[in-house]
Structures are given as structure tokens and as C-alpha cells.
Amino acid sequence: MAIRGLDHLFLETHSFEQSANFWEGLGFKLEQKWGDQGHSAGLLRCDEAVIVLAEVSQSERPKQDIHFTMADPEKTMERLEQDLRVRITQPLHDSHWGTRLIQVQDPDGRVFWLESPKH
């Protein structure tokens, strides 16, 4: 099967510091932080749960995405192209953070990402 597990939850926020504080209150620890004021981002972890938090401008509506880990990106893409039950909204491509991604959409319009480290 293509999916190996949940990789991370991606959350956008209008206030990185306030949102990071909220998640730390739930037991997450900020392990990495990058960017600058107004465009901060970071990775928070609590045991196996991972959140990538990214700040967006006040004019943008914050979104959230679920990223699943996939085993073999090329084979997964090939299999999904043959499966009429799955709508591919972005075919296999490289991310700017060093992974390979496929975006799919469920029948209700929700978007999910399949992600694998780039080898």
C-alpha cells in the first residue's frame, strides 16, 4: 500500500508565537524554528505527533493540511493514475524542503498530501 502512516499536520497561523505557545501548552516542544518576524515557521513534536506551523499574513485565511508518508513515490503515482477512485490534484513533484509530494482530493473536496523523503 502507498500510505505508511501520518507524517505531519501542517497548520498556518496569523501569530506564530501565540500558536506555538498553544501547542506547547498541549505538550508539544518546538524543535526547529526558521523564517523571520511575520513569516516564522517551525516544527513541533509530542512523541510521534508532528506539527509544522507556518505564519501567514492577516489577509490570508489560515489553512491546514494532512501529510501522509508514502513508501515509493514513483510506484504510488503510477498506482494512483490507474485508480479512478482517487482524484490527483497535483502529480508527483519535488518540494522546496527536500521531499517528493502528491496531492489528492477526497469526494468532499478535502485535500491530502502524500510525502516521501527525496533520495
PDB file of N, CA and C in Angstrom:
ATOM      1  N   MET A   1       0.843  -1.195   0.000  1.00  0.00           N
ATOM      2  CA  MET A   1       0.000   0.000   0.000  1.00  0.00           C
ATOM      3  C   MET A   1       0.877   1.244   0.000  1.00  0.00           C
ATOM      4  N   ALA A   2       0.378   2.307  -0.530  1.00  0.00           N
ATOM      5  CA  ALA A   2       1.119   3.556  -0.686  1.00  0.00           C
ATOM      6  C   ALA A   2       1.352   4.279   0.644  1.00  0.00           C
ATOM      7  N   ILE A   3       0.378   4.263   1.529  1.00  0.00           N
ATOM      8  CA  ILE A   3       0.455   5.028   2.781  1.00  0.00           C
ATOM      9  C   ILE A   3       1.127   4.192   3.864  1.00  0.00           C
ATOM     10  N   ARG A   4       2.117   4.799   4.526  1.00  0.00           N
ATOM     11  CA  ARG A   4       2.807   4.112   5.632  1.00  0.00           C
ATOM     12  C   ARG A   4       2.417   4.675   6.981  1.00  0.00           C
ATOM     13  N   GLY A   5       1.841   5.860   7.007  1.00  0.00           N
ATOM     14  CA  GLY A   5       1.430   6.454   8.268  1.00  0.00           C
ATOM     15  C   GLY A   5       1.256   7.952   8.126  1.00  0.00           C
ATOM     16  N   LEU A   6       0.881   8.586   9.208  1.00  0.00           N
ATOM     17  CA  LEU A   6       0.723  10.030   9.236  1.00  0.00           C
ATOM     18  C   LEU A   6       2.100  10.663   9.383  1.00  0.00           C
ATOM     19  N   ASP A   7       2.457  11.569   8.496  1.00  0.00           N
ATOM     20  CA  ASP A   7       3.757  12.237   8.573  1.00  0.00           C
ATOM     21  C   ASP A   7       3.673  13.462   9.480  1.00  0.00           C
ATOM     22  N   HIS A   8       2.800  14.410   9.127  1.00  0.00           N
ATOM     23  CA  HIS A   8       2.637  15.591   9.969  1.00  0.00           C
ATOM     24  C   HIS A   8       1.366  16.342   9.603  1.00  0.00           C
ATOM     25  N   LEU A   9       0.955  17.195  10.515  1.00  0.00           N
ATOM     26  CA  LEU A   9      -0.137  18.117  10.299  1.00  0.00           C
ATOM     27  C   LEU A   9       0.488  19.475  10.010  1.00  0.00           C
ATOM     28  N   PHE A  10       0.113  20.096   8.887  1.00  0.00           N
ATOM     29  CA  PHE A  10       0.620  21.413   8.517  1.00  0.00           C
ATOM     30  C   PHE A  10      -0.451  22.436   8.867  1.00  0.00           C
ATOM     31  N   LEU A  11      -0.091  23.416   9.679  1.00  0.00           N
ATOM     32  CA  LEU A  11      -1.042  24.447  10.117  1.00  0.00           C
ATOM     33  C   LEU A  11      -0.500  25.827   9.823  1.00  0.00           C
ATOM     34  N   GLU A  12      -1.310  26.662   9.206  1.00  0.00           N
ATOM     35  CA  GLU A  12      -0.956  28.068   9.043  1.00  0.00           C
ATOM     36  C   GLU A  12      -1.598  28.857  10.173  1.00  0.00           C
ATOM     37  N   THR A  13      -0.969  29.966  10.543  1.00  0.00           N
ATOM     38  CA  THR A  13      -1.436  30.787  11.649  1.00  0.00           C
ATOM     39  C   THR A  13      -1.157  32.257  11.368  1.00  0.00           C
ATOM     40  N   HIS A  14      -1.929  33.126  12.005  1.00  0.00           N
ATOM     41  CA  HIS A  14      -1.650  34.565  11.917  1.00  0.00           C
ATOM     42  C   HIS A  14      -0.613  34.989  12.951  1.00  0.00           C
ATOM     43  N   SER A  15      -0.429  34.190  13.992  1.00  0.00           N
ATOM     44  CA  SER A  15       0.545  34.523  15.031  1.00  0.00           C
ATOM     45  C   SER A  15       1.344  33.275  15.403  1.00  0.00           C
ATOM     46  N   PHE A  16       2.568  33.186  14.887  1.00  0.00           N
ATOM     47  CA  PHE A  16       3.392  32.020  15.165  1.00  0.00           C
ATOM     48  C   PHE A  16       3.604  31.839  16.665  1.00  0.00           C
ATOM     49  N   GLU A  17       3.979  32.907  17.356  1.00  0.00           N
ATOM     50  CA  GLU A  17       4.290  32.792  18.791  1.00  0.00           C
ATOM     51  C   GLU A  17       3.081  32.335  19.594  1.00  0.00           C
ATOM     52  N   GLN A  18       1.914  32.921  19.359  1.00  0.00           N
ATOM     53  CA  GLN A  18       0.722  32.521  20.105  1.00  0.00           C
ATOM     54  C   GLN A  18       0.342  31.075  19.808  1.00  0.00           C
ATOM     55  N   SER A  19       0.426  30.692  18.548  1.00  0.00           N
ATOM     56  CA  SER A  19       0.067  29.324  18.174  1.00  0.00           C
ATOM     57  C   SER A  19       1.065  28.324  18.739  1.00  0.00           C
ATOM     58  N   ALA A  20       2.361  28.635  18.644  1.00  0.00           N
ATOM     59  CA  ALA A  20       3.382  27.747  19.212  1.00  0.00           C
ATOM     60  C   ALA A  20       3.165  27.596  20.721  1.00  0.00           C
ATOM     61  N   ASN A  21       2.838  28.687  21.399  1.00  0.00           N
ATOM     62  CA  ASN A  21       2.559  28.626  22.842  1.00  0.00           C
ATOM     63  C   ASN A  21       1.370  27.722  23.135  1.00  0.00           C
ATOM     64  N   PHE A  22       0.321  27.803  22.316  1.00  0.00           N
ATOM     65  CA  PHE A  22      -0.847  26.942  22.478  1.00  0.00           C
ATOM     66  C   PHE A  22      -0.440  25.466  22.403  1.00  0.00           C
ATOM     67  N   TRP A  23       0.305  25.110  21.346  1.00  0.00           N
ATOM     68  CA  TRP A  23       0.705  23.705  21.173  1.00  0.00           C
ATOM     69  C   TRP A  23       1.667  23.259  22.263  1.00  0.00           C
ATOM     70  N   GLU A  24       2.536  24.150  22.722  1.00  0.00           N
ATOM     71  CA  GLU A  24       3.421  23.805  23.841  1.00  0.00           C
ATOM     72  C   GLU A  24       2.603  23.556  25.102  1.00  0.00           C
ATOM     73  N   GLY A  25       1.495  24.279  25.265  1.00  0.00           N
ATOM     74  CA  GLY A  25       0.600  24.037  26.393  1.00  0.00           C
ATOM     75  C   GLY A  25      -0.033  22.659  26.354  1.00  0.00           C
ATOM     76  N   LEU A  26      -0.135  22.087  25.152  1.00  0.00           N
ATOM     77  CA  LEU A  26      -0.665  20.730  24.996  1.00  0.00           C
ATOM     78  C   LEU A  26       0.417  19.658  25.076  1.00  0.00           C
ATOM     79  N   GLY A  27       1.667  20.085  25.319  1.00  0.00           N
ATOM     80  CA  GLY A  27       2.749  19.121  25.492  1.00  0.00           C
ATOM     81  C   GLY A  27       3.721  19.017  24.333  1.00  0.00           C
ATOM     82  N   PHE A  28       3.511  19.776  23.257  1.00  0.00           N
ATOM     83  CA  PHE A  28       4.443  19.770  22.133  1.00  0.00           C
ATOM     84  C   PHE A  28       5.676  20.590  22.489  1.00  0.00           C
ATOM     85  N   LYS A  29       6.793  20.256  21.883  1.00  0.00           N
ATOM     86  CA  LYS A  29       8.033  21.016  22.051  1.00  0.00           C
ATOM     87  C   LYS A  29       8.452  21.559  20.690  1.00  0.00           C
ATOM     88  N   LEU A  30       8.833  22.838  20.671  1.00  0.00           N
ATOM     89  CA  LEU A  30       9.312  23.462  19.445  1.00  0.00           C
ATOM     90  C   LEU A  30      10.732  22.969  19.209  1.00  0.00           C
ATOM     91  N   GLU A  31      10.925  22.134  18.173  1.00  0.00           N
ATOM     92  CA  GLU A  31      12.234  21.554  17.888  1.00  0.00           C
ATOM     93  C   GLU A  31      13.035  22.360  16.882  1.00  0.00           C
ATOM     94  N   GLN A  32      12.357  23.031  15.957  1.00  0.00           N
ATOM     95  CA  GLN A  32      13.039  23.827  14.933  1.00  0.00           C
ATOM     96  C   GLN A  32      12.213  25.075  14.669  1.00  0.00           C
ATOM     97  N   LYS A  33      12.899  26.162  14.380  1.00  0.00           N
ATOM     98  CA  LYS A  33      12.221  27.398  14.001  1.00  0.00           C
ATOM     99  C   LYS A  33      13.028  28.034  12.881  1.00  0.00           C
ATOM    100  N   TRP A  34      12.329  28.578  11.880  1.00  0.00           N
ATOM    101  CA  TRP A  34      13.010  29.248  10.781  1.00  0.00           C
ATOM    102  C   TRP A  34      12.155  30.431  10.326  1.00  0.00           C
ATOM    103  N   GLY A  35      12.703  31.242   9.443  1.00  0.00           N
ATOM    104  CA  GLY A  35      11.993  32.420   8.950  1.00  0.00           C
ATOM    105  C   GLY A  35      12.256  33.619   9.831  1.00  0.00           C
ATOM    106  N   ASP A  36      11.483  34.674   9.590  1.00  0.00           N
ATOM    107  CA  ASP A  36      11.644  35.908  10.354  1.00  0.00           C
ATOM    108  C   ASP A  36      10.285  36.435  10.784  1.00  0.00           C
ATOM    109  N   GLN A  37      10.282  37.550  11.475  1.00  0.00           N
ATOM    110  CA  GLN A  37       9.056  38.148  12.002  1.00  0.00           C
ATOM    111  C   GLN A  37       8.016  38.291  10.890  1.00  0.00           C
ATOM    112  N   GLY A  38       6.831  37.790  11.115  1.00  0.00           N
ATOM    113  CA  GLY A  38       5.765  37.850  10.133  1.00  0.00           C
ATOM    114  C   GLY A  38       5.755  36.682   9.167  1.00  0.00           C
ATOM    115  N   HIS A  39       6.842  35.946   9.112  1.00  0.00           N
ATOM    116  CA  HIS A  39       6.934  34.783   8.229  1.00  0.00           C
ATOM    117  C   HIS A  39       7.641  33.630   8.948  1.00  0.00           C
ATOM    118  N   SER A  40       7.444  33.533  10.247  1.00  0.00           N
ATOM    119  CA  SER A  40       8.075  32.473  11.031  1.00  0.00           C
ATOM    120  C   SER A  40       7.413  31.137  10.757  1.00  0.00           C
ATOM    121  N   ALA A  41       8.181  30.075  10.896  1.00  0.00           N
ATOM    122  CA  ALA A  41       7.674  28.709  10.763  1.00  0.00           C
ATOM    123  C   ALA A  41       8.484  27.822  11.686  1.00  0.00           C
ATOM    124  N   GLY A  42       7.963  26.651  11.964  1.00  0.00           N
ATOM    125  CA  GLY A  42       8.690  25.746  12.832  1.00  0.00           C
ATOM    126  C   GLY A  42       8.056  24.374  12.896  1.00  0.00           C
ATOM    127  N   LEU A  43       8.775  23.470  13.544  1.00  0.00           N
ATOM    128  CA  LEU A  43       8.341  22.093  13.715  1.00  0.00           C
ATOM    129  C   LEU A  43       8.176  21.828  15.199  1.00  0.00           C
ATOM    130  N   LEU A  44       7.008  21.340  15.568  1.00  0.00           N
ATOM    131  CA  LEU A  44       6.707  20.976  16.944  1.00  0.00           C
ATOM    132  C   LEU A  44       6.461  19.481  17.015  1.00  0.00           C
ATOM    133  N   ARG A  45       6.882  18.857  18.114  1.00  0.00           N
ATOM    134  CA  ARG A  45       6.726  17.406  18.251  1.00  0.00           C
ATOM    135  C   ARG A  45       6.273  17.071  19.667  1.00  0.00           C
ATOM    136  N   CYS A  46       5.384  16.069  19.740  1.00  0.00           N
ATOM    137  CA  CYS A  46       4.959  15.488  21.004  1.00  0.00           C
ATOM    138  C   CYS A  46       4.916  13.983  20.769  1.00  0.00           C
ATOM    139  N   ASP A  47       5.931  13.284  21.271  1.00  0.00           N
ATOM    140  CA  ASP A  47       6.097  11.861  20.980  1.00  0.00           C
ATOM    141  C   ASP A  47       6.126  11.655  19.463  1.00  0.00           C
ATOM    142  N   GLU A  48       5.147  10.942  18.915  1.00  0.00           N
ATOM    143  CA  GLU A  48       5.142  10.667  17.471  1.00  0.00           C
ATOM    144  C   GLU A  48       4.342  11.697  16.678  1.00  0.00           C
ATOM    145  N   ALA A  49       3.624  12.581  17.356  1.00  0.00           N
ATOM    146  CA  ALA A  49       2.814  13.596  16.669  1.00  0.00           C
ATOM    147  C   ALA A  49       3.693  14.768  16.259  1.00  0.00           C
ATOM    148  N   VAL A  50       3.562  15.185  14.990  1.00  0.00           N
ATOM    149  CA  VAL A  50       4.381  16.271  14.445  1.00  0.00           C
ATOM    150  C   VAL A  50       3.475  17.320  13.809  1.00  0.00           C
ATOM    151  N   ILE A  51       3.760  18.579  14.131  1.00  0.00           N
ATOM    152  CA  ILE A  51       3.057  19.709  13.529  1.00  0.00           C
ATOM    153  C   ILE A  51       4.088  20.625  12.908  1.00  0.00           C
ATOM    154  N   VAL A  52       3.848  21.024  11.655  1.00  0.00           N
ATOM    155  CA  VAL A  52       4.632  22.078  11.024  1.00  0.00           C
ATOM    156  C   VAL A  52       3.731  23.304  11.027  1.00  0.00           C
ATOM    157  N   LEU A  53       4.206  24.361  11.656  1.00  0.00           N
ATOM    158  CA  LEU A  53       3.443  25.588  11.855  1.00  0.00           C
ATOM    159  C   LEU A  53       4.063  26.693  11.017  1.00  0.00           C
ATOM    160  N   ALA A  54       3.256  27.405  10.238  1.00  0.00           N
ATOM    161  CA  ALA A  54       3.770  28.460   9.367  1.00  0.00           C
ATOM    162  C   ALA A  54       2.891  29.705   9.475  1.00  0.00           C
ATOM    163  N   GLU A  55       3.535  30.832   9.677  1.00  0.00           N
ATOM    164  CA  GLU A  55       2.821  32.095   9.806  1.00  0.00           C
ATOM    165  C   GLU A  55       2.469  32.661   8.431  1.00  0.00           C
ATOM    166  N   VAL A  56       1.237  33.157   8.300  1.00  0.00           N
ATOM    167  CA  VAL A  56       0.788  33.807   7.071  1.00  0.00           C
ATOM    168  C   VAL A  56       0.264  35.199   7.425  1.00  0.00           C
ATOM    169  N   SER A  57       0.132  36.048   6.424  1.00  0.00           N
ATOM    170  CA  SER A  57      -0.317  37.419   6.664  1.00  0.00           C
ATOM    171  C   SER A  57      -1.777  37.439   7.113  1.00  0.00           C
ATOM    172  N   GLN A  58      -2.166  38.541   7.734  1.00  0.00           N
ATOM    173  CA  GLN A  58      -3.535  38.701   8.227  1.00  0.00           C
ATOM    174  C   GLN A  58      -4.554  38.655   7.091  1.00  0.00           C
ATOM    175  N   SER A  59      -4.134  38.961   5.880  1.00  0.00           N
ATOM    176  CA  SER A  59      -5.062  38.962   4.744  1.00  0.00           C
ATOM    177  C   SER A  59      -5.349  37.550   4.222  1.00  0.00           C
ATOM    178  N   GLU A  60      -4.555  36.581   4.643  1.00  0.00           N
ATOM    179  CA  GLU A  60      -4.751  35.195   4.199  1.00  0.00           C
ATOM    180  C   GLU A  60      -5.564  34.414   5.226  1.00  0.00           C
ATOM    181  N   ARG A  61      -6.367  33.507   4.746  1.00  0.00           N
ATOM    182  CA  ARG A  61      -7.102  32.616   5.635  1.00  0.00           C
ATOM    183  C   ARG A  61      -6.214  31.419   5.954  1.00  0.00           C
ATOM    184  N   PRO A  62      -5.901  31.190   7.237  1.00  0.00           N
ATOM    185  CA  PRO A  62      -5.034  30.052   7.587  1.00  0.00           C
ATOM    186  C   PRO A  62      -5.666  28.727   7.160  1.00  0.00           C
ATOM    187  N   LYS A  63      -4.842  27.842   6.634  1.00  0.00           N
ATOM    188  CA  LYS A  63      -5.322  26.527   6.219  1.00  0.00           C
ATOM    189  C   LYS A  63      -4.606  25.450   7.019  1.00  0.00           C
ATOM    190  N   GLN A  64      -5.088  24.255   6.859  1.00  0.00           N
ATOM    191  CA  GLN A  64      -4.432  23.106   7.474  1.00  0.00           C
ATOM    192  C   GLN A  64      -4.415  21.976   6.467  1.00  0.00           C
ATOM    193  N   ASP A  65      -3.320  21.247   6.455  1.00  0.00           N
ATOM    194  CA  ASP A  65      -3.153  20.114   5.554  1.00  0.00           C
ATOM    195  C   ASP A  65      -2.676  18.910   6.351  1.00  0.00           C
ATOM    196  N   ILE A  66      -3.099  17.744   5.906  1.00  0.00           N
ATOM    197  CA  ILE A  66      -2.627  16.496   6.493  1.00  0.00           C
ATOM    198  C   ILE A  66      -1.670  15.848   5.503  1.00  0.00           C
ATOM    199  N   HIS A  67      -0.475  15.499   5.975  1.00  0.00           N
ATOM    200  CA  HIS A  67       0.550  14.858   5.153  1.00  0.00           C
ATOM    201  C   HIS A  67       0.750  13.424   5.627  1.00  0.00           C
ATOM    202  N   PHE A  68       0.580  12.482   4.709  1.00  0.00           N
ATOM    203  CA  PHE A  68       0.837  11.066   4.989  1.00  0.00           C
ATOM    204  C   PHE A  68       2.186  10.679   4.398  1.00  0.00           C
ATOM    205  N   THR A  69       2.865   9.746   5.027  1.00  0.00           N
ATOM    206  CA  THR A  69       4.110   9.213   4.496  1.00  0.00           C
ATOM    207  C   THR A  69       3.776   8.149   3.465  1.00  0.00           C
ATOM    208  N   MET A  70       4.439   8.228   2.293  1.00  0.00           N
ATOM    209  CA  MET A  70       4.253   7.183   1.274  1.00  0.00           C
ATOM    210  C   MET A  70       5.568   6.440   1.085  1.00  0.00           C
ATOM    211  N   ALA A  71       5.471   5.190   0.703  1.00  0.00           N
ATOM    212  CA  ALA A  71       6.639   4.329   0.597  1.00  0.00           C
ATOM    213  C   ALA A  71       7.476   4.620  -0.639  1.00  0.00           C
ATOM    214  N   ASP A  72       6.951   4.403  -1.809  1.00  0.00           N
ATOM    215  CA  ASP A  72       7.695   4.527  -3.054  1.00  0.00           C
ATOM    216  C   ASP A  72       6.962   5.532  -3.940  1.00  0.00           C
ATOM    217  N   PRO A  73       7.456   6.773  -4.040  1.00  0.00           N
ATOM    218  CA  PRO A  73       6.711   7.818  -4.756  1.00  0.00           C
ATOM    219  C   PRO A  73       6.356   7.476  -6.198  1.00  0.00           C
ATOM    220  N   GLU A  74       7.301   6.907  -6.949  1.00  0.00           N
ATOM    221  CA  GLU A  74       7.029   6.599  -8.352  1.00  0.00           C
ATOM    222  C   GLU A  74       5.966   5.506  -8.491  1.00  0.00           C
ATOM    223  N   LYS A  75       6.098   4.442  -7.710  1.00  0.00           N
ATOM    224  CA  LYS A  75       5.107   3.369  -7.762  1.00  0.00           C
ATOM    225  C   LYS A  75       3.749   3.847  -7.267  1.00  0.00           C
ATOM    226  N   THR A  76       3.754   4.684  -6.238  1.00  0.00           N
ATOM    227  CA  THR A  76       2.500   5.231  -5.718  1.00  0.00           C
ATOM    228  C   THR A  76       1.802   6.053  -6.792  1.00  0.00           C
ATOM    229  N   MET A  77       2.552   6.928  -7.464  1.00  0.00           N
ATOM    230  CA  MET A  77       1.972   7.766  -8.507  1.00  0.00           C
ATOM    231  C   MET A  77       1.407   6.909  -9.632  1.00  0.00           C
ATOM    232  N   GLU A  78       2.163   5.910 -10.026  1.00  0.00           N
ATOM    233  CA  GLU A  78       1.717   5.004 -11.099  1.00  0.00           C
ATOM    234  C   GLU A  78       0.423   4.311 -10.713  1.00  0.00           C
ATOM    235  N   ARG A  79       0.357   3.818  -9.475  1.00  0.00           N
ATOM    236  CA  ARG A  79      -0.833   3.126  -8.996  1.00  0.00           C
ATOM    237  C   ARG A  79      -2.033   4.065  -8.934  1.00  0.00           C
ATOM    238  N   LEU A  80      -1.818   5.292  -8.439  1.00  0.00           N
ATOM    239  CA  LEU A  80      -2.917   6.248  -8.319  1.00  0.00           C
ATOM    240  C   LEU A  80      -3.444   6.685  -9.683  1.00  0.00           C
ATOM    241  N   GLU A  81      -2.572   6.784 -10.660  1.00  0.00           N
ATOM    242  CA  GLU A  81      -3.003   7.162 -12.010  1.00  0.00           C
ATOM    243  C   GLU A  81      -3.937   6.110 -12.607  1.00  0.00           C
ATOM    244  N   GLN A  82      -3.801   4.872 -12.168  1.00  0.00           N
ATOM    245  CA  GLN A  82      -4.632   3.776 -12.663  1.00  0.00           C
ATOM    246  C   GLN A  82      -5.936   3.620 -11.877  1.00  0.00           C
ATOM    247  N   ASP A  83      -5.997   4.229 -10.695  1.00  0.00           N
ATOM    248  CA  ASP A  83      -7.140   4.050  -9.793  1.00  0.00           C
ATOM    249  C   ASP A  83      -8.120   5.212  -9.966  1.00  0.00           C
ATOM    250  N   LEU A  84      -9.250   4.954 -10.581  1.00  0.00           N
ATOM    251  CA  LEU A  84     -10.234   6.003 -10.859  1.00  0.00           C
ATOM    252  C   LEU A  84     -10.947   6.511  -9.608  1.00  0.00           C
ATOM    253  N   ARG A  85     -10.742   5.856  -8.469  1.00  0.00           N
ATOM    254  CA  ARG A  85     -11.390   6.301  -7.228  1.00  0.00           C
ATOM    255  C   ARG A  85     -10.681   7.480  -6.594  1.00  0.00           C
ATOM    256  N   VAL A  86      -9.438   7.745  -6.991  1.00  0.00           N
ATOM    257  CA  VAL A  86      -8.624   8.793  -6.370  1.00  0.00           C
ATOM    258  C   VAL A  86      -8.421   9.942  -7.346  1.00  0.00           C
ATOM    259  N   ARG A  87      -8.755  11.151  -6.919  1.00  0.00           N
ATOM    260  CA  ARG A  87      -8.531  12.335  -7.751  1.00  0.00           C
ATOM    261  C   ARG A  87      -7.171  12.939  -7.387  1.00  0.00           C
ATOM    262  N   ILE A  88      -6.268  12.961  -8.344  1.00  0.00           N
ATOM    263  CA  ILE A  88      -4.942  13.559  -8.147  1.00  0.00           C
ATOM    264  C   ILE A  88      -5.045  15.028  -8.521  1.00  0.00           C
ATOM    265  N   THR A  89      -4.745  15.925  -7.584  1.00  0.00           N
ATOM    266  CA  THR A  89      -4.823  17.359  -7.863  1.00  0.00           C
ATOM    267  C   THR A  89      -3.450  17.970  -8.145  1.00  0.00           C
ATOM    268  N   GLN A  90      -2.393  17.314  -7.679  1.00  0.00           N
ATOM    269  CA  GLN A  90      -1.021  17.685  -8.041  1.00  0.00           C
ATOM    270  C   GLN A  90      -0.225  16.392  -8.157  1.00  0.00           C
ATOM    271  N   PRO A  91       0.242  16.069  -9.351  1.00  0.00           N
ATOM    272  CA  PRO A  91       1.018  14.839  -9.512  1.00  0.00           C
ATOM    273  C   PRO A  91       2.365  14.929  -8.788  1.00  0.00           C
ATOM    274  N   LEU A  92       3.063  13.845  -8.756  1.00  0.00           N
ATOM    275  CA  LEU A  92       4.348  13.741  -8.072  1.00  0.00           C
ATOM    276  C   LEU A  92       5.278  14.883  -8.468  1.00  0.00           C
ATOM    277  N   HIS A  93       5.793  15.573  -7.460  1.00  0.00           N
ATOM    278  CA  HIS A  93       6.728  16.677  -7.680  1.00  0.00           C
ATOM    279  C   HIS A  93       7.628  16.845  -6.457  1.00  0.00           C
ATOM    280  N   ASP A  94       8.717  17.564  -6.636  1.00  0.00           N
ATOM    281  CA  ASP A  94       9.662  17.829  -5.540  1.00  0.00           C
ATOM    282  C   ASP A  94       9.230  19.076  -4.778  1.00  0.00           C
ATOM    283  N   SER A  95       9.347  19.013  -3.457  1.00  0.00           N
ATOM    284  CA  SER A  95       9.064  20.180  -2.617  1.00  0.00           C
ATOM    285  C   SER A  95      10.339  20.998  -2.439  1.00  0.00           C
ATOM    286  N   HIS A  96      10.179  22.219  -1.962  1.00  0.00           N
ATOM    287  CA  HIS A  96      11.356  23.049  -1.686  1.00  0.00           C
ATOM    288  C   HIS A  96      12.028  22.661  -0.366  1.00  0.00           C
ATOM    289  N   TRP A  97      11.429  21.751   0.411  1.00  0.00           N
ATOM    290  CA  TRP A  97      12.047  21.320   1.673  1.00  0.00           C
ATOM    291  C   TRP A  97      12.643  19.918   1.573  1.00  0.00           C
ATOM    292  N   GLY A  98      12.783  19.407   0.349  1.00  0.00           N
ATOM    293  CA  GLY A  98      13.534  18.172   0.159  1.00  0.00           C
ATOM    294  C   GLY A  98      12.742  16.884   0.189  1.00  0.00           C
ATOM    295  N   THR A  99      11.457  16.942  -0.146  1.00  0.00           N
ATOM    296  CA  THR A  99      10.657  15.728  -0.202  1.00  0.00           C
ATOM    297  C   THR A  99       9.982  15.629  -1.564  1.00  0.00           C
ATOM    298  N   ARG A 100       9.323  14.489  -1.810  1.00  0.00           N
ATOM    299  CA  ARG A 100       8.513  14.300  -3.011  1.00  0.00           C
ATOM    300  C   ARG A 100       7.064  14.258  -2.553  1.00  0.00           C
ATOM    301  N   LEU A 101       6.184  14.907  -3.302  1.00  0.00           N
ATOM    302  CA  LEU A 101       4.794  15.066  -2.886  1.00  0.00           C
ATOM    303  C   LEU A 101       3.808  14.702  -3.987  1.00  0.00           C
ATOM    304  N   ILE A 102       2.656  14.204  -3.561  1.00  0.00           N
ATOM    305  CA  ILE A 102       1.483  14.039  -4.416  1.00  0.00           C
ATOM    306  C   ILE A 102       0.316  14.624  -3.626  1.00  0.00           C
ATOM    307  N   GLN A 103      -0.500  15.428  -4.284  1.00  0.00           N
ATOM    308  CA  GLN A 103      -1.699  15.959  -3.626  1.00  0.00           C
ATOM    309  C   GLN A 103      -2.920  15.254  -4.203  1.00  0.00           C
ATOM    310  N   VAL A 104      -3.812  14.807  -3.313  1.00  0.00           N
ATOM    311  CA  VAL A 104      -5.051  14.156  -3.718  1.00  0.00           C
ATOM    312  C   VAL A 104      -6.219  14.854  -3.037  1.00  0.00           C
ATOM    313  N   GLN A 105      -7.421  14.632  -3.604  1.00  0.00           N
ATOM    314  CA  GLN A 105      -8.612  15.269  -3.052  1.00  0.00           C
ATOM    315  C   GLN A 105      -9.698  14.222  -2.877  1.00  0.00           C
ATOM    316  N   ASP A 106     -10.364  14.241  -1.722  1.00  0.00           N
ATOM    317  CA  ASP A 106     -11.438  13.280  -1.482  1.00  0.00           C
ATOM    318  C   ASP A 106     -12.747  13.780  -2.106  1.00  0.00           C
ATOM    319  N   PRO A 107     -13.799  12.962  -2.104  1.00  0.00           N
ATOM    320  CA  PRO A 107     -15.060  13.352  -2.742  1.00  0.00           C
ATOM    321  C   PRO A 107     -15.706  14.607  -2.149  1.00  0.00           C
ATOM    322  N   ASP A 108     -15.354  14.962  -0.916  1.00  0.00           N
ATOM    323  CA  ASP A 108     -15.904  16.158  -0.282  1.00  0.00           C
ATOM    324  C   ASP A 108     -15.038  17.395  -0.483  1.00  0.00           C
ATOM    325  N   GLY A 109     -13.968  17.266  -1.274  1.00  0.00           N
ATOM    326  CA  GLY A 109     -13.116  18.411  -1.577  1.00  0.00           C
ATOM    327  C   GLY A 109     -11.955  18.621  -0.630  1.00  0.00           C
ATOM    328  N   ARG A 110     -11.793  17.745   0.364  1.00  0.00           N
ATOM    329  CA  ARG A 110     -10.653  17.872   1.278  1.00  0.00           C
ATOM    330  C   ARG A 110      -9.380  17.430   0.582  1.00  0.00           C
ATOM    331  N   VAL A 111      -8.302  18.167   0.841  1.00  0.00           N
ATOM    332  CA  VAL A 111      -7.016  17.899   0.209  1.00  0.00           C
ATOM    333  C   VAL A 111      -6.104  17.175   1.195  1.00  0.00           C
ATOM    334  N   PHE A 112      -5.373  16.182   0.674  1.00  0.00           N
ATOM    335  CA  PHE A 112      -4.385  15.447   1.458  1.00  0.00           C
ATOM    336  C   PHE A 112      -3.096  15.362   0.650  1.00  0.00           C
ATOM    337  N   TRP A 113      -1.987  15.265   1.357  1.00  0.00           N
ATOM    338  CA  TRP A 113      -0.665  15.168   0.721  1.00  0.00           C
ATOM    339  C   TRP A 113      -0.056  13.820   1.052  1.00  0.00           C
ATOM    340  N   LEU A 114       0.568  13.202   0.059  1.00  0.00           N
ATOM    341  CA  LEU A 114       1.384  12.001   0.249  1.00  0.00           C
ATOM    342  C   LEU A 114       2.821  12.469   0.089  1.00  0.00           C
ATOM    343  N   GLU A 115       3.669  12.129   1.041  1.00  0.00           N
ATOM    344  CA  GLU A 115       5.016  12.694   1.094  1.00  0.00           C
ATOM    345  C   GLU A 115       6.056  11.616   1.357  1.00  0.00           C
ATOM    346  N   SER A 116       7.212  11.777   0.738  1.00  0.00           N
ATOM    347  CA  SER A 116       8.320  10.835   0.907  1.00  0.00           C
ATOM    348  C   SER A 116       9.630  11.601   0.855  1.00  0.00           C
ATOM    349  N   PRO A 117      10.612  11.216   1.671  1.00  0.00           N
ATOM    350  CA  PRO A 117      11.929  11.876   1.565  1.00  0.00           C
ATOM    351  C   PRO A 117      12.511  11.672   0.181  1.00  0.00           C
ATOM    352  N   LYS A 118      13.199  12.676  -0.313  1.00  0.00           N
ATOM    353  CA  LYS A 118      13.865  12.577  -1.609  1.00  0.00           C
ATOM    354  C   LYS A 118      15.180  11.859  -1.403  1.00  0.00           C
ATOM    355  N   HIS A 119      15.430  10.810  -2.174  1.00  0.00           N
ATOM    356  CA  HIS A 119      16.678  10.036  -2.021  1.00  0.00           C
ATOM    357  C   HIS A 119      17.667  10.415  -3.076  1.00  0.00           C
TER     358      HIS A 119
END
